[in-house]
Amino acid sequence: MLVVGNGRTITRNMDLPFVENGAVAIEGTKIVEVGTTKDLRDKYKDAEYIDAKGGIIMPAFINTHEHIYSAMARGLSINGYNPKGFLDILDGQWWTIDRKLTLEQTKYSAMDTMISCIRNGVTTIFDHHASFGHIKGSLFQIADAAKELGIRSCLC
């Protein structure tokens, strides 16, 4: 049992949408109760306690549209590259990157993307790894990265 408390707790419950000094009691992977920090600490005396230090406690985010391999192009600028439309962008940038990615780079790209997601409160990520080059095994690399980092994923 785990209690995360001393936080401004936001719920999805219309009857109790906000608890100023709130807490969440968690058993395994399930939230079993939401209430005040005092009430839940009194009720679950043997639970491990994490102090949110006045921060926000809320349900995690789900990233429903990601392009994992695009992490490799963050901040990329190509001198003299002036695409004339979406297909030019795909062919001149994205597919060019995709043709060069190795399985190892795909995994590191996934790790970078997922770490950024986790830092921003995302616990589930959806990715349609539309590999132009059809890198055999790339989805397994992305799935391995998700397992390693403890983030849920839906991959195709």
N, C-alpha and C. Protein backbone atom coordinates (compact mmCIF):
# COMPACT_ATOMS: atom_id res chain seq x y z
N MET A 1 0.86 -1.18 0.00
CA MET A 1 0.00 0.00 0.00
C MET A 1 0.90 1.23 0.00
N LEU A 2 0.46 2.23 -0.75
CA LEU A 2 1.18 3.49 -0.86
C LEU A 2 0.19 4.63 -0.73
N VAL A 3 0.55 5.64 0.04
CA VAL A 3 -0.26 6.85 0.12
C VAL A 3 0.60 8.02 -0.34
N VAL A 4 0.10 8.74 -1.34
CA VAL A 4 0.75 9.97 -1.80
C VAL A 4 -0.13 11.10 -1.30
N GLY A 5 0.44 11.97 -0.47
CA GLY A 5 -0.39 13.00 0.15
C GLY A 5 0.29 14.35 0.27
N ASN A 6 -0.42 15.26 0.96
CA ASN A 6 0.03 16.63 1.14
C ASN A 6 0.15 17.34 -0.20
N GLY A 7 -0.89 17.16 -1.01
CA GLY A 7 -0.91 17.78 -2.33
C GLY A 7 -2.27 18.31 -2.68
N ARG A 8 -2.27 19.15 -3.68
CA ARG A 8 -3.53 19.67 -4.22
C ARG A 8 -4.04 18.62 -5.20
N THR A 9 -5.02 17.85 -4.77
CA THR A 9 -5.44 16.66 -5.49
C THR A 9 -6.61 16.94 -6.43
N ILE A 10 -6.40 16.63 -7.69
CA ILE A 10 -7.42 16.79 -8.73
C ILE A 10 -7.89 15.40 -9.11
N THR A 11 -9.20 15.20 -9.13
CA THR A 11 -9.75 13.89 -9.45
C THR A 11 -10.61 13.98 -10.70
N ARG A 12 -11.12 12.85 -11.13
CA ARG A 12 -12.08 12.81 -12.24
C ARG A 12 -13.47 12.53 -11.69
N ASN A 13 -13.65 12.73 -10.40
CA ASN A 13 -14.92 12.47 -9.73
C ASN A 13 -15.69 13.79 -9.62
N MET A 14 -16.83 13.88 -10.26
CA MET A 14 -17.62 15.12 -10.26
C MET A 14 -18.09 15.50 -8.85
N ASP A 15 -18.25 14.50 -7.96
CA ASP A 15 -18.68 14.78 -6.59
C ASP A 15 -17.54 15.31 -5.72
N LEU A 16 -16.30 15.04 -6.11
CA LEU A 16 -15.13 15.47 -5.35
C LEU A 16 -14.01 15.81 -6.33
N PRO A 17 -14.16 16.93 -7.07
CA PRO A 17 -13.20 17.24 -8.13
C PRO A 17 -11.84 17.73 -7.63
N PHE A 18 -11.78 18.24 -6.37
CA PHE A 18 -10.55 18.84 -5.87
C PHE A 18 -10.46 18.67 -4.35
N VAL A 19 -9.29 18.29 -3.86
CA VAL A 19 -9.06 18.20 -2.42
C VAL A 19 -7.81 19.02 -2.13
N GLU A 20 -7.97 20.09 -1.36
CA GLU A 20 -6.86 21.03 -1.11
C GLU A 20 -5.64 20.34 -0.48
N ASN A 21 -5.82 19.63 0.61
CA ASN A 21 -4.72 18.89 1.22
C ASN A 21 -5.03 17.41 1.03
N GLY A 22 -4.96 17.00 -0.23
CA GLY A 22 -5.45 15.68 -0.58
C GLY A 22 -4.39 14.60 -0.62
N ALA A 23 -4.88 13.39 -0.77
CA ALA A 23 -4.03 12.21 -0.84
C ALA A 23 -4.70 11.14 -1.69
N VAL A 24 -3.87 10.23 -2.16
CA VAL A 24 -4.34 9.10 -2.95
C VAL A 24 -3.74 7.83 -2.33
N ALA A 25 -4.59 6.84 -2.07
CA ALA A 25 -4.13 5.55 -1.58
C ALA A 25 -4.07 4.59 -2.76
N ILE A 26 -2.93 3.92 -2.91
CA ILE A 26 -2.71 3.05 -4.06
C ILE A 26 -2.32 1.65 -3.58
N GLU A 27 -2.97 0.66 -4.15
CA GLU A 27 -2.64 -0.74 -3.87
C GLU A 27 -2.23 -1.37 -5.19
N GLY A 28 -0.95 -1.71 -5.32
CA GLY A 28 -0.46 -2.25 -6.58
C GLY A 28 -0.54 -1.19 -7.67
N THR A 29 -1.37 -1.45 -8.67
CA THR A 29 -1.54 -0.49 -9.77
C THR A 29 -2.90 0.20 -9.73
N LYS A 30 -3.64 0.03 -8.63
CA LYS A 30 -5.00 0.58 -8.53
C LYS A 30 -5.09 1.66 -7.46
N ILE A 31 -5.77 2.75 -7.80
CA ILE A 31 -6.10 3.76 -6.81
C ILE A 31 -7.31 3.23 -6.04
N VAL A 32 -7.18 3.08 -4.73
CA VAL A 32 -8.26 2.52 -3.94
C VAL A 32 -9.08 3.58 -3.22
N GLU A 33 -8.47 4.75 -3.01
CA GLU A 33 -9.22 5.79 -2.31
C GLU A 33 -8.55 7.15 -2.50
N VAL A 34 -9.37 8.19 -2.54
CA VAL A 34 -8.91 9.57 -2.59
C VAL A 34 -9.58 10.30 -1.44
N GLY A 35 -8.84 11.12 -0.75
CA GLY A 35 -9.41 11.88 0.37
C GLY A 35 -8.39 12.87 0.90
N THR A 36 -8.58 13.30 2.13
CA THR A 36 -7.62 14.21 2.72
C THR A 36 -6.40 13.42 3.18
N THR A 37 -5.29 14.12 3.27
CA THR A 37 -4.06 13.46 3.72
C THR A 37 -4.25 12.86 5.11
N LYS A 38 -4.85 13.62 6.01
CA LYS A 38 -5.04 13.15 7.37
C LYS A 38 -5.89 11.88 7.39
N ASP A 39 -7.02 11.91 6.70
CA ASP A 39 -7.92 10.74 6.69
C ASP A 39 -7.23 9.49 6.15
N LEU A 40 -6.50 9.62 5.04
CA LEU A 40 -5.89 8.43 4.45
C LEU A 40 -4.68 7.96 5.24
N ARG A 41 -3.93 8.86 5.83
CA ARG A 41 -2.79 8.43 6.67
C ARG A 41 -3.30 7.73 7.93
N ASP A 42 -4.42 8.23 8.50
CA ASP A 42 -5.02 7.58 9.67
C ASP A 42 -5.56 6.19 9.31
N LYS A 43 -6.18 6.08 8.15
CA LYS A 43 -6.79 4.82 7.74
C LYS A 43 -5.75 3.78 7.32
N TYR A 44 -4.69 4.21 6.65
CA TYR A 44 -3.67 3.29 6.14
C TYR A 44 -2.34 3.55 6.86
N LYS A 45 -2.34 3.30 8.16
CA LYS A 45 -1.19 3.61 9.01
C LYS A 45 0.11 2.90 8.59
N ASP A 46 0.00 1.72 8.02
CA ASP A 46 1.19 0.95 7.65
C ASP A 46 1.66 1.21 6.22
N ALA A 47 0.95 2.06 5.51
CA ALA A 47 1.30 2.33 4.10
C ALA A 47 2.58 3.15 3.99
N GLU A 48 3.32 2.89 2.94
CA GLU A 48 4.45 3.77 2.61
C GLU A 48 3.86 5.14 2.26
N TYR A 49 4.53 6.20 2.66
CA TYR A 49 4.00 7.54 2.43
C TYR A 49 4.98 8.35 1.59
N ILE A 50 4.44 9.01 0.57
CA ILE A 50 5.22 9.95 -0.24
C ILE A 50 4.60 11.32 -0.06
N ASP A 51 5.41 12.28 0.35
CA ASP A 51 4.97 13.66 0.57
C ASP A 51 5.06 14.42 -0.75
N ALA A 52 3.92 14.88 -1.24
CA ALA A 52 3.88 15.65 -2.49
C ALA A 52 4.31 17.11 -2.27
N LYS A 53 4.54 17.48 -1.04
CA LYS A 53 5.07 18.80 -0.67
C LYS A 53 4.26 19.95 -1.27
N GLY A 54 2.95 19.80 -1.25
CA GLY A 54 2.08 20.86 -1.74
C GLY A 54 1.90 20.90 -3.24
N GLY A 55 2.52 19.96 -3.93
CA GLY A 55 2.39 19.90 -5.38
C GLY A 55 1.04 19.35 -5.81
N ILE A 56 0.90 19.16 -7.09
CA ILE A 56 -0.37 18.67 -7.63
C ILE A 56 -0.33 17.14 -7.74
N ILE A 57 -1.41 16.52 -7.27
CA ILE A 57 -1.59 15.07 -7.43
C ILE A 57 -2.79 14.92 -8.37
N MET A 58 -2.58 14.25 -9.49
CA MET A 58 -3.66 14.12 -10.46
C MET A 58 -3.43 12.89 -11.32
N PRO A 59 -4.48 12.46 -12.04
CA PRO A 59 -4.29 11.33 -12.95
C PRO A 59 -3.22 11.66 -13.99
N ALA A 60 -2.50 10.66 -14.42
CA ALA A 60 -1.44 10.85 -15.40
C ALA A 60 -2.02 11.16 -16.77
N PHE A 61 -1.16 11.68 -17.62
CA PHE A 61 -1.55 12.00 -18.99
C PHE A 61 -1.30 10.82 -19.92
N ILE A 62 -2.04 10.81 -21.03
CA ILE A 62 -1.84 9.83 -22.08
C ILE A 62 -1.49 10.59 -23.35
N ASN A 63 -0.36 10.28 -23.93
CA ASN A 63 0.07 10.89 -25.19
C ASN A 63 -0.48 10.01 -26.30
N THR A 64 -1.53 10.48 -26.98
CA THR A 64 -2.22 9.64 -27.95
C THR A 64 -1.70 9.77 -29.38
N HIS A 65 -0.68 10.61 -29.58
CA HIS A 65 -0.14 10.73 -30.94
C HIS A 65 1.31 11.18 -30.84
N GLU A 66 2.20 10.26 -31.15
CA GLU A 66 3.63 10.55 -31.04
C GLU A 66 4.34 10.06 -32.29
N HIS A 67 5.44 10.67 -32.60
CA HIS A 67 6.33 10.23 -33.67
C HIS A 67 7.69 10.01 -33.01
N ILE A 68 7.89 8.82 -32.49
CA ILE A 68 9.07 8.55 -31.68
C ILE A 68 10.37 8.85 -32.43
N TYR A 69 10.47 8.44 -33.68
CA TYR A 69 11.75 8.64 -34.35
C TYR A 69 12.03 10.11 -34.64
N SER A 70 11.05 10.97 -34.50
CA SER A 70 11.29 12.40 -34.75
C SER A 70 12.17 13.03 -33.68
N ALA A 71 12.37 12.32 -32.57
CA ALA A 71 13.29 12.84 -31.55
C ALA A 71 14.67 13.05 -32.15
N MET A 72 15.01 12.25 -33.15
CA MET A 72 16.33 12.38 -33.78
C MET A 72 16.44 13.67 -34.60
N ALA A 73 15.34 14.33 -34.88
CA ALA A 73 15.37 15.54 -35.71
C ALA A 73 15.10 16.80 -34.91
N ARG A 74 14.97 16.67 -33.60
CA ARG A 74 14.69 17.84 -32.77
C ARG A 74 15.79 18.88 -32.98
N GLY A 75 15.40 20.08 -33.39
CA GLY A 75 16.36 21.16 -33.61
C GLY A 75 17.12 21.06 -34.92
N LEU A 76 16.76 20.11 -35.76
CA LEU A 76 17.47 19.91 -37.03
C LEU A 76 17.17 21.04 -38.01
N SER A 77 18.21 21.53 -38.63
CA SER A 77 18.07 22.54 -39.68
C SER A 77 18.98 22.12 -40.82
N ILE A 78 18.45 22.07 -42.02
CA ILE A 78 19.23 21.65 -43.19
C ILE A 78 19.45 22.87 -44.06
N ASN A 79 20.71 23.27 -44.20
CA ASN A 79 21.04 24.43 -45.04
C ASN A 79 20.58 24.21 -46.48
N GLY A 80 19.90 25.21 -47.03
CA GLY A 80 19.45 25.15 -48.41
C GLY A 80 18.22 24.30 -48.64
N TYR A 81 17.64 23.74 -47.59
CA TYR A 81 16.46 22.88 -47.73
C TYR A 81 15.22 23.75 -47.63
N ASN A 82 14.48 23.86 -48.74
CA ASN A 82 13.27 24.68 -48.80
C ASN A 82 12.13 23.86 -49.37
N PRO A 83 11.48 23.06 -48.53
CA PRO A 83 10.39 22.21 -49.04
C PRO A 83 9.23 23.05 -49.57
N LYS A 84 8.58 22.50 -50.58
CA LYS A 84 7.45 23.19 -51.23
C LYS A 84 6.10 22.66 -50.78
N GLY A 85 6.10 21.65 -49.94
CA GLY A 85 4.84 21.08 -49.47
C GLY A 85 5.12 19.88 -48.58
N PHE A 86 4.04 19.25 -48.12
CA PHE A 86 4.14 18.16 -47.18
C PHE A 86 4.95 16.98 -47.73
N LEU A 87 4.73 16.60 -48.99
CA LEU A 87 5.48 15.49 -49.57
C LEU A 87 6.97 15.80 -49.64
N ASP A 88 7.31 17.06 -49.91
CA ASP A 88 8.72 17.46 -49.89
C ASP A 88 9.32 17.30 -48.50
N ILE A 89 8.54 17.64 -47.49
CA ILE A 89 9.00 17.50 -46.11
C ILE A 89 9.21 16.02 -45.78
N LEU A 90 8.23 15.19 -46.17
CA LEU A 90 8.37 13.75 -45.92
C LEU A 90 9.61 13.19 -46.61
N ASP A 91 9.73 13.48 -47.90
CA ASP A 91 10.84 12.90 -48.67
C ASP A 91 12.18 13.53 -48.31
N GLY A 92 12.20 14.82 -48.12
CA GLY A 92 13.46 15.52 -47.90
C GLY A 92 13.99 15.46 -46.48
N GLN A 93 13.10 15.23 -45.52
CA GLN A 93 13.55 15.20 -44.13
C GLN A 93 13.22 13.87 -43.46
N TRP A 94 11.93 13.61 -43.27
CA TRP A 94 11.54 12.45 -42.45
C TRP A 94 11.97 11.13 -43.06
N TRP A 95 11.71 10.91 -44.33
CA TRP A 95 12.07 9.63 -44.92
C TRP A 95 13.59 9.52 -45.06
N THR A 96 14.27 10.64 -45.23
CA THR A 96 15.74 10.61 -45.27
C THR A 96 16.30 10.16 -43.93
N ILE A 97 15.74 10.70 -42.85
CA ILE A 97 16.16 10.26 -41.51
C ILE A 97 15.82 8.79 -41.33
N ASP A 98 14.62 8.42 -41.69
CA ASP A 98 14.13 7.06 -41.50
C ASP A 98 14.99 6.03 -42.23
N ARG A 99 15.45 6.38 -43.42
CA ARG A 99 16.27 5.45 -44.20
C ARG A 99 17.60 5.15 -43.51
N LYS A 100 18.04 6.05 -42.65
CA LYS A 100 19.36 5.92 -42.02
C LYS A 100 19.31 5.34 -40.61
N LEU A 101 18.13 5.27 -39.99
CA LEU A 101 18.05 4.81 -38.61
C LEU A 101 18.42 3.34 -38.46
N THR A 102 19.19 3.07 -37.42
CA THR A 102 19.51 1.69 -37.07
C THR A 102 18.56 1.28 -35.94
N LEU A 103 18.54 0.01 -35.60
CA LEU A 103 17.72 -0.46 -34.48
C LEU A 103 18.15 0.23 -33.18
N GLU A 104 19.45 0.36 -32.99
CA GLU A 104 19.95 1.01 -31.78
C GLU A 104 19.50 2.47 -31.70
N GLN A 105 19.58 3.19 -32.82
CA GLN A 105 19.14 4.58 -32.84
C GLN A 105 17.64 4.69 -32.61
N THR A 106 16.89 3.74 -33.14
CA THR A 106 15.44 3.73 -32.92
C THR A 106 15.15 3.58 -31.43
N LYS A 107 15.87 2.69 -30.76
CA LYS A 107 15.67 2.50 -29.32
C LYS A 107 16.03 3.77 -28.55
N TYR A 108 17.16 4.39 -28.88
CA TYR A 108 17.55 5.62 -28.17
C TYR A 108 16.58 6.76 -28.44
N SER A 109 16.06 6.82 -29.64
CA SER A 109 15.05 7.82 -29.96
C SER A 109 13.80 7.60 -29.11
N ALA A 110 13.42 6.33 -28.95
CA ALA A 110 12.27 6.00 -28.11
C ALA A 110 12.56 6.36 -26.66
N MET A 111 13.76 6.06 -26.19
CA MET A 111 14.12 6.38 -24.79
C MET A 111 14.04 7.89 -24.56
N ASP A 112 14.58 8.67 -25.49
CA ASP A 112 14.57 10.12 -25.36
C ASP A 112 13.13 10.65 -25.32
N THR A 113 12.31 10.17 -26.26
CA THR A 113 10.91 10.60 -26.32
C THR A 113 10.17 10.21 -25.04
N MET A 114 10.35 8.99 -24.59
CA MET A 114 9.62 8.50 -23.42
C MET A 114 10.08 9.18 -22.13
N ILE A 115 11.35 9.46 -22.00
CA ILE A 115 11.83 10.18 -20.82
C ILE A 115 11.21 11.57 -20.76
N SER A 116 11.13 12.24 -21.91
CA SER A 116 10.47 13.55 -21.95
C SER A 116 9.00 13.44 -21.55
N CYS A 117 8.33 12.38 -22.02
CA CYS A 117 6.94 12.17 -21.66
C CYS A 117 6.80 11.96 -20.15
N ILE A 118 7.62 11.09 -19.60
CA ILE A 118 7.55 10.78 -18.17
C ILE A 118 7.78 12.04 -17.34
N ARG A 119 8.75 12.84 -17.73
CA ARG A 119 9.04 14.09 -17.00
C ARG A 119 7.85 15.05 -17.00
N ASN A 120 6.98 14.89 -17.98
CA ASN A 120 5.81 15.77 -18.09
C ASN A 120 4.52 15.09 -17.67
N GLY A 121 4.62 13.98 -16.94
CA GLY A 121 3.45 13.34 -16.36
C GLY A 121 2.72 12.36 -17.25
N VAL A 122 3.33 11.96 -18.35
CA VAL A 122 2.71 10.99 -19.25
C VAL A 122 3.10 9.58 -18.81
N THR A 123 2.12 8.71 -18.69
CA THR A 123 2.40 7.32 -18.31
C THR A 123 2.04 6.32 -19.40
N THR A 124 1.39 6.78 -20.46
CA THR A 124 1.01 5.91 -21.57
C THR A 124 1.28 6.66 -22.87
N ILE A 125 1.90 5.96 -23.82
CA ILE A 125 2.23 6.60 -25.09
C ILE A 125 1.75 5.73 -26.25
N PHE A 126 1.16 6.38 -27.25
CA PHE A 126 0.74 5.71 -28.47
C PHE A 126 1.69 6.16 -29.59
N ASP A 127 2.16 5.23 -30.39
CA ASP A 127 3.03 5.60 -31.50
C ASP A 127 2.73 4.72 -32.69
N HIS A 128 2.61 5.36 -33.83
CA HIS A 128 2.47 4.60 -35.08
C HIS A 128 3.81 4.75 -35.80
N HIS A 129 4.72 3.88 -35.47
CA HIS A 129 6.07 3.96 -36.01
C HIS A 129 6.01 3.65 -37.50
N ALA A 130 5.63 4.66 -38.26
CA ALA A 130 5.45 4.50 -39.70
C ALA A 130 6.81 4.53 -40.39
N SER A 131 7.55 3.49 -40.20
CA SER A 131 8.90 3.41 -40.73
C SER A 131 8.88 3.25 -42.24
N PHE A 132 9.28 4.31 -42.93
CA PHE A 132 9.32 4.27 -44.40
C PHE A 132 10.23 3.14 -44.87
N GLY A 133 11.35 2.97 -44.17
CA GLY A 133 12.29 1.93 -44.56
C GLY A 133 11.94 0.57 -43.99
N HIS A 134 10.84 0.48 -43.28
CA HIS A 134 10.40 -0.79 -42.69
C HIS A 134 11.54 -1.47 -41.93
N ILE A 135 12.07 -0.77 -40.96
CA ILE A 135 13.20 -1.29 -40.20
C ILE A 135 12.72 -2.50 -39.40
N LYS A 136 13.15 -3.67 -39.83
CA LYS A 136 12.71 -4.91 -39.20
C LYS A 136 13.14 -4.93 -37.73
N GLY A 137 12.16 -5.15 -36.85
CA GLY A 137 12.44 -5.21 -35.42
C GLY A 137 12.33 -3.89 -34.70
N SER A 138 12.00 -2.81 -35.41
CA SER A 138 11.96 -1.49 -34.76
C SER A 138 10.90 -1.39 -33.68
N LEU A 139 9.75 -2.00 -33.88
CA LEU A 139 8.72 -1.94 -32.84
C LEU A 139 9.15 -2.68 -31.58
N PHE A 140 9.93 -3.75 -31.75
CA PHE A 140 10.43 -4.47 -30.58
C PHE A 140 11.41 -3.60 -29.79
N GLN A 141 12.21 -2.81 -30.50
CA GLN A 141 13.14 -1.89 -29.83
C GLN A 141 12.38 -0.84 -29.03
N ILE A 142 11.32 -0.31 -29.63
CA ILE A 142 10.50 0.71 -28.95
C ILE A 142 9.80 0.08 -27.75
N ALA A 143 9.28 -1.13 -27.91
CA ALA A 143 8.62 -1.82 -26.80
C ALA A 143 9.61 -2.11 -25.68
N ASP A 144 10.83 -2.50 -26.03
CA ASP A 144 11.86 -2.74 -25.01
C ASP A 144 12.17 -1.47 -24.23
N ALA A 145 12.26 -0.34 -24.93
CA ALA A 145 12.51 0.94 -24.26
C ALA A 145 11.38 1.26 -23.29
N ALA A 146 10.14 1.03 -23.70
CA ALA A 146 8.99 1.29 -22.83
C ALA A 146 9.04 0.42 -21.59
N LYS A 147 9.35 -0.84 -21.76
CA LYS A 147 9.45 -1.75 -20.60
C LYS A 147 10.56 -1.32 -19.66
N GLU A 148 11.69 -0.94 -20.23
CA GLU A 148 12.84 -0.51 -19.43
C GLU A 148 12.51 0.72 -18.59
N LEU A 149 11.74 1.64 -19.17
CA LEU A 149 11.41 2.89 -18.48
C LEU A 149 10.12 2.81 -17.67
N GLY A 150 9.35 1.73 -17.83
CA GLY A 150 8.12 1.56 -17.06
C GLY A 150 6.96 2.40 -17.54
N ILE A 151 6.95 2.74 -18.82
CA ILE A 151 5.84 3.50 -19.39
C ILE A 151 4.99 2.55 -20.23
N ARG A 152 3.67 2.71 -20.18
CA ARG A 152 2.80 1.88 -21.00
C ARG A 152 2.88 2.35 -22.44
N SER A 153 2.70 1.42 -23.37
CA SER A 153 2.75 1.82 -24.79
C SER A 153 1.74 1.01 -25.59
N CYS A 154 1.26 1.65 -26.64
CA CYS A 154 0.43 1.02 -27.64
C CYS A 154 1.13 1.33 -28.96
N LEU A 155 1.67 0.30 -29.59
CA LEU A 155 2.52 0.50 -30.77
C LEU A 155 1.96 -0.21 -31.98
N CYS A 156 2.16 0.40 -33.13
CA CYS A 156 1.76 -0.25 -34.38
C CYS A 156 2.65 0.24 -35.50
